[in-house]
Amino acid sequence: MLLDCASLLLDLSSLRQGSNSGRFELDTVAIAWGIDDVRPAPMKAVLDLDVSFRDQSFICRGRLAAVFETPCARCMAPATFRVTEPIFAVFSMDGSLEEDPSIVKIPRNGRFASLLDALREAVILSLPGLPLCREDCRGLCHVCGADLNEGTCEHTGPGE
């Protein structure tokens, strides 16, 4: 099974009927994720992927082991989170399935299927509801904007 790890394009011609499995190392920083306020941490990621190929359909299941960053909800410093959601996507060259919006259509002569949307969805679903840089983050002063993790300001007392 061949996957372009920069574009996340799966080469469908490299698949055999039945189950196809692979492990791929991704440079997540080089991938254009297109997710506002979320960026990959500067480390490699691993994508474990299983593609079931039957007739003209491809069912992709997998897991992305990666770390991303988003601004802390209290102080705006980077808050890291791990991708925890599974990867799932269905592709088909069968024209009779055009009415199912969950199936990505591939032209009959198509050779590649993009996994970017499925991986992007896993990242978004893994994003914490209240991302924090650390559990005891004190946030920013509501008057002057000072980072209260670094000390106090004239608007706050010690321990506030």
C-alpha atoms as a PDB file:
ATOM      1  CA  MET A   1       0.000   0.000   0.000  1.00  0.00           C
ATOM      2  CA  LEU A   2       1.433   3.352  -1.066  1.00  0.00           C
ATOM      3  CA  LEU A   3       0.623   6.668   0.642  1.00  0.00           C
ATOM      4  CA  ASP A   4       2.174  10.019  -0.214  1.00  0.00           C
ATOM      5  CA  CYS A   5       2.888  11.198   3.332  1.00  0.00           C
ATOM      6  CA  ALA A   6       3.090  14.876   2.340  1.00  0.00           C
ATOM      7  CA  SER A   7      -0.198  15.125   0.427  1.00  0.00           C
ATOM      8  CA  LEU A   8      -1.976  12.225   2.189  1.00  0.00           C
ATOM      9  CA  LEU A   9      -2.938  10.745  -1.176  1.00  0.00           C
ATOM     10  CA  LEU A  10      -3.511   6.998  -1.130  1.00  0.00           C
ATOM     11  CA  ASP A  11      -2.475   5.280  -4.363  1.00  0.00           C
ATOM     12  CA  LEU A  12      -5.457   3.053  -5.096  1.00  0.00           C
ATOM     13  CA  SER A  13      -3.539   1.118  -7.749  1.00  0.00           C
ATOM     14  CA  SER A  14      -1.240  -0.171  -4.997  1.00  0.00           C
ATOM     15  CA  LEU A  15      -4.092  -1.938  -3.181  1.00  0.00           C
ATOM     16  CA  ARG A  16      -5.003  -5.588  -3.543  1.00  0.00           C
ATOM     17  CA  GLN A  17      -8.486  -7.025  -3.012  1.00  0.00           C
ATOM     18  CA  GLY A  18      -9.153  -7.596   0.691  1.00  0.00           C
ATOM     19  CA  SER A  19      -7.287  -6.062   3.598  1.00  0.00           C
ATOM     20  CA  ASN A  20      -4.289  -3.782   3.121  1.00  0.00           C
ATOM     21  CA  SER A  21      -2.380  -2.495   6.145  1.00  0.00           C
ATOM     22  CA  GLY A  22       0.456  -0.070   6.605  1.00  0.00           C
ATOM     23  CA  ARG A  23       2.236   2.188   9.055  1.00  0.00           C
ATOM     24  CA  PHE A  24       3.360   5.590   7.838  1.00  0.00           C
ATOM     25  CA  GLU A  25       5.512   8.269   9.450  1.00  0.00           C
ATOM     26  CA  LEU A  26       4.118  11.739   8.769  1.00  0.00           C
ATOM     27  CA  ASP A  27       5.747  15.146   8.972  1.00  0.00           C
ATOM     28  CA  THR A  28       2.592  16.851  10.240  1.00  0.00           C
ATOM     29  CA  VAL A  29       4.184  20.308  10.059  1.00  0.00           C
ATOM     30  CA  ALA A  30       4.520  19.956   6.267  1.00  0.00           C
ATOM     31  CA  ILE A  31       0.821  19.108   5.804  1.00  0.00           C
ATOM     32  CA  ALA A  32      -1.639  21.947   5.070  1.00  0.00           C
ATOM     33  CA  TRP A  33      -4.269  21.088   7.696  1.00  0.00           C
ATOM     34  CA  GLY A  34      -6.455  24.172   7.217  1.00  0.00           C
ATOM     35  CA  ILE A  35      -7.754  24.174  10.810  1.00  0.00           C
ATOM     36  CA  ASP A  36      -8.036  27.618  12.421  1.00  0.00           C
ATOM     37  CA  ASP A  37      -5.960  28.083  15.591  1.00  0.00           C
ATOM     38  CA  VAL A  38      -4.646  24.501  15.486  1.00  0.00           C
ATOM     39  CA  ARG A  39      -1.192  23.489  14.338  1.00  0.00           C
ATOM     40  CA  PRO A  40       0.837  20.315  14.669  1.00  0.00           C
ATOM     41  CA  ALA A  41       3.538  20.099  17.314  1.00  0.00           C
ATOM     42  CA  PRO A  42       7.005  19.930  15.733  1.00  0.00           C
ATOM     43  CA  MET A  43       7.419  16.157  15.934  1.00  0.00           C
ATOM     44  CA  LYS A  44       6.780  13.197  13.690  1.00  0.00           C
ATOM     45  CA  ALA A  45       3.448  11.413  13.755  1.00  0.00           C
ATOM     46  CA  VAL A  46       2.505   7.844  12.931  1.00  0.00           C
ATOM     47  CA  LEU A  47      -0.536   6.794  10.925  1.00  0.00           C
ATOM     48  CA  ASP A  48      -1.618   3.168  11.224  1.00  0.00           C
ATOM     49  CA  LEU A  49      -3.978   2.459   8.354  1.00  0.00           C
ATOM     50  CA  ASP A  50      -6.060  -0.490   7.227  1.00  0.00           C
ATOM     51  CA  VAL A  51      -7.835  -0.304   3.879  1.00  0.00           C
ATOM     52  CA  SER A  52     -10.427  -2.884   2.958  1.00  0.00           C
ATOM     53  CA  PHE A  53     -10.792  -3.051  -0.830  1.00  0.00           C
ATOM     54  CA  ARG A  54     -13.859  -4.841  -2.195  1.00  0.00           C
ATOM     55  CA  ASP A  55     -15.165  -4.490  -5.731  1.00  0.00           C
ATOM     56  CA  GLN A  56     -15.108  -0.733  -6.307  1.00  0.00           C
ATOM     57  CA  SER A  57     -15.169   0.411  -2.685  1.00  0.00           C
ATOM     58  CA  PHE A  58     -12.409   1.280  -0.225  1.00  0.00           C
ATOM     59  CA  ILE A  59     -13.038   1.443   3.527  1.00  0.00           C
ATOM     60  CA  CYS A  60     -10.231   3.150   5.415  1.00  0.00           C
ATOM     61  CA  ARG A  61      -9.809   2.736   9.158  1.00  0.00           C
ATOM     62  CA  GLY A  62      -6.887   3.838  11.230  1.00  0.00           C
ATOM     63  CA  ARG A  63      -5.349   5.747  14.053  1.00  0.00           C
ATOM     64  CA  LEU A  64      -3.147   8.819  13.984  1.00  0.00           C
ATOM     65  CA  ALA A  65      -0.619   9.119  16.816  1.00  0.00           C
ATOM     66  CA  ALA A  66       0.116  12.845  16.755  1.00  0.00           C
ATOM     67  CA  VAL A  67       0.307  15.898  18.975  1.00  0.00           C
ATOM     68  CA  PHE A  68      -1.188  19.246  18.036  1.00  0.00           C
ATOM     69  CA  GLU A  69      -1.239  22.686  19.638  1.00  0.00           C
ATOM     70  CA  THR A  70      -3.965  25.267  20.080  1.00  0.00           C
ATOM     71  CA  PRO A  71      -4.100  28.452  22.186  1.00  0.00           C
ATOM     72  CA  CYS A  72      -4.803  27.967  25.890  1.00  0.00           C
ATOM     73  CA  ALA A  73      -8.338  29.115  26.719  1.00  0.00           C
ATOM     74  CA  ARG A  74      -7.012  31.146  29.673  1.00  0.00           C
ATOM     75  CA  CYS A  75      -3.628  32.622  28.707  1.00  0.00           C
ATOM     76  CA  MET A  76      -3.235  32.000  24.947  1.00  0.00           C
ATOM     77  CA  ALA A  77       0.049  30.070  25.397  1.00  0.00           C
ATOM     78  CA  PRO A  78       0.274  26.851  23.352  1.00  0.00           C
ATOM     79  CA  ALA A  79      -1.817  24.018  24.792  1.00  0.00           C
ATOM     80  CA  THR A  80      -0.937  20.580  23.441  1.00  0.00           C
ATOM     81  CA  PHE A  81      -3.354  17.734  22.833  1.00  0.00           C
ATOM     82  CA  ARG A  82      -3.112  14.243  21.382  1.00  0.00           C
ATOM     83  CA  VAL A  83      -5.260  12.985  18.543  1.00  0.00           C
ATOM     84  CA  THR A  84      -7.502  10.337  20.093  1.00  0.00           C
ATOM     85  CA  GLU A  85     -10.257   9.859  17.516  1.00  0.00           C
ATOM     86  CA  PRO A  86     -10.091   7.010  14.982  1.00  0.00           C
ATOM     87  CA  ILE A  87      -9.699   7.636  11.264  1.00  0.00           C
ATOM     88  CA  PHE A  88     -12.574   6.514   9.056  1.00  0.00           C
ATOM     89  CA  ALA A  89     -13.389   7.151   5.396  1.00  0.00           C
ATOM     90  CA  VAL A  90     -15.259   5.340   2.635  1.00  0.00           C
ATOM     91  CA  PHE A  91     -14.404   5.827  -1.036  1.00  0.00           C
ATOM     92  CA  SER A  92     -16.191   4.342  -4.019  1.00  0.00           C
ATOM     93  CA  MET A  93     -15.945   4.218  -7.783  1.00  0.00           C
ATOM     94  CA  ASP A  94     -19.468   2.799  -7.949  1.00  0.00           C
ATOM     95  CA  GLY A  95     -21.704   5.451  -9.527  1.00  0.00           C
ATOM     96  CA  SER A  96     -24.862   3.965  -7.971  1.00  0.00           C
ATOM     97  CA  LEU A  97     -23.767   5.201  -4.516  1.00  0.00           C
ATOM     98  CA  GLU A  98     -23.862   8.881  -5.489  1.00  0.00           C
ATOM     99  CA  GLU A  99     -26.737   9.694  -3.142  1.00  0.00           C
ATOM    100  CA  ASP A 100     -24.852   8.753   0.045  1.00  0.00           C
ATOM    101  CA  PRO A 101     -23.019  11.912   1.233  1.00  0.00           C
ATOM    102  CA  SER A 102     -20.756   9.943   3.595  1.00  0.00           C
ATOM    103  CA  ILE A 103     -19.090   8.151   0.670  1.00  0.00           C
ATOM    104  CA  VAL A 104     -16.409  10.023  -1.224  1.00  0.00           C
ATOM    105  CA  LYS A 105     -16.824   9.457  -4.951  1.00  0.00           C
ATOM    106  CA  ILE A 106     -13.774   8.637  -7.027  1.00  0.00           C
ATOM    107  CA  PRO A 107     -13.928   8.748 -10.822  1.00  0.00           C
ATOM    108  CA  ARG A 108     -13.670   5.324 -12.459  1.00  0.00           C
ATOM    109  CA  ASN A 109     -10.253   6.178 -13.844  1.00  0.00           C
ATOM    110  CA  GLY A 110      -9.183   7.826 -10.559  1.00  0.00           C
ATOM    111  CA  ARG A 111      -5.964   6.598  -9.072  1.00  0.00           C
ATOM    112  CA  PHE A 112      -5.751   8.499  -5.780  1.00  0.00           C
ATOM    113  CA  ALA A 113      -7.931   9.047  -2.711  1.00  0.00           C
ATOM    114  CA  SER A 114      -7.192  11.908  -0.320  1.00  0.00           C
ATOM    115  CA  LEU A 115      -7.143  10.993   3.369  1.00  0.00           C
ATOM    116  CA  LEU A 116      -6.699  14.637   4.454  1.00  0.00           C
ATOM    117  CA  ASP A 117     -10.375  15.205   5.310  1.00  0.00           C
ATOM    118  CA  ALA A 118     -10.554  12.050   7.441  1.00  0.00           C
ATOM    119  CA  LEU A 119      -7.376  12.947   9.340  1.00  0.00           C
ATOM    120  CA  ARG A 120      -8.489  16.571   9.728  1.00  0.00           C
ATOM    121  CA  GLU A 121     -11.794  15.349  11.197  1.00  0.00           C
ATOM    122  CA  ALA A 122      -9.955  13.190  13.758  1.00  0.00           C
ATOM    123  CA  VAL A 123      -7.843  16.188  14.806  1.00  0.00           C
ATOM    124  CA  ILE A 124     -10.881  18.460  15.177  1.00  0.00           C
ATOM    125  CA  LEU A 125     -12.839  15.848  17.145  1.00  0.00           C
ATOM    126  CA  SER A 126      -9.844  15.390  19.478  1.00  0.00           C
ATOM    127  CA  LEU A 127      -9.601  19.110  20.252  1.00  0.00           C
ATOM    128  CA  PRO A 128     -10.390  19.627  23.958  1.00  0.00           C
ATOM    129  CA  GLY A 129     -13.437  21.745  24.778  1.00  0.00           C
ATOM    130  CA  LEU A 130     -11.345  23.901  27.142  1.00  0.00           C
ATOM    131  CA  PRO A 131      -7.716  23.556  26.052  1.00  0.00           C
ATOM    132  CA  LEU A 132      -5.292  24.500  28.829  1.00  0.00           C
ATOM    133  CA  CYS A 133      -1.525  24.912  28.719  1.00  0.00           C
ATOM    134  CA  ARG A 134      -1.513  23.385  32.209  1.00  0.00           C
ATOM    135  CA  GLU A 135      -4.179  22.434  34.745  1.00  0.00           C
ATOM    136  CA  ASP A 136      -3.398  25.324  37.112  1.00  0.00           C
ATOM    137  CA  CYS A 137      -3.201  28.016  34.418  1.00  0.00           C
ATOM    138  CA  ARG A 138      -4.102  31.348  36.022  1.00  0.00           C
ATOM    139  CA  GLY A 139      -4.816  33.098  32.718  1.00  0.00           C
ATOM    140  CA  LEU A 140      -4.462  36.774  31.887  1.00  0.00           C
ATOM    141  CA  CYS A 141      -5.336  39.836  33.938  1.00  0.00           C
ATOM    142  CA  HIS A 142      -8.719  41.069  32.762  1.00  0.00           C
ATOM    143  CA  VAL A 143      -7.515  44.699  33.019  1.00  0.00           C
ATOM    144  CA  CYS A 144      -3.969  44.864  31.667  1.00  0.00           C
ATOM    145  CA  GLY A 145      -3.557  41.460  30.024  1.00  0.00           C
ATOM    146  CA  ALA A 146      -0.522  40.422  32.102  1.00  0.00           C
ATOM    147  CA  ASP A 147       0.161  36.695  32.147  1.00  0.00           C
ATOM    148  CA  LEU A 148      -0.690  35.702  35.722  1.00  0.00           C
ATOM    149  CA  ASN A 149       1.326  32.482  35.348  1.00  0.00           C
ATOM    150  CA  GLU A 150       4.450  34.638  35.328  1.00  0.00           C
ATOM    151  CA  GLY A 151       3.533  36.718  38.377  1.00  0.00           C
ATOM    152  CA  THR A 152       1.087  39.318  39.591  1.00  0.00           C
ATOM    153  CA  CYS A 153       0.263  42.754  38.262  1.00  0.00           C
ATOM    154  CA  GLU A 154      -1.038  45.904  39.941  1.00  0.00           C
ATOM    155  CA  HIS A 155      -4.632  44.697  39.374  1.00  0.00           C
ATOM    156  CA  THR A 156      -4.221  41.373  41.158  1.00  0.00           C
ATOM    157  CA  GLY A 157      -2.840  40.326  44.499  1.00  0.00           C
ATOM    158  CA  PRO A 158      -0.610  37.365  45.240  1.00  0.00           C
ATOM    159  CA  GLY A 159      -2.359  34.039  44.713  1.00  0.00           C
ATOM    160  CA  GLU A 160      -5.272  35.527  42.781  1.00  0.00           C
END
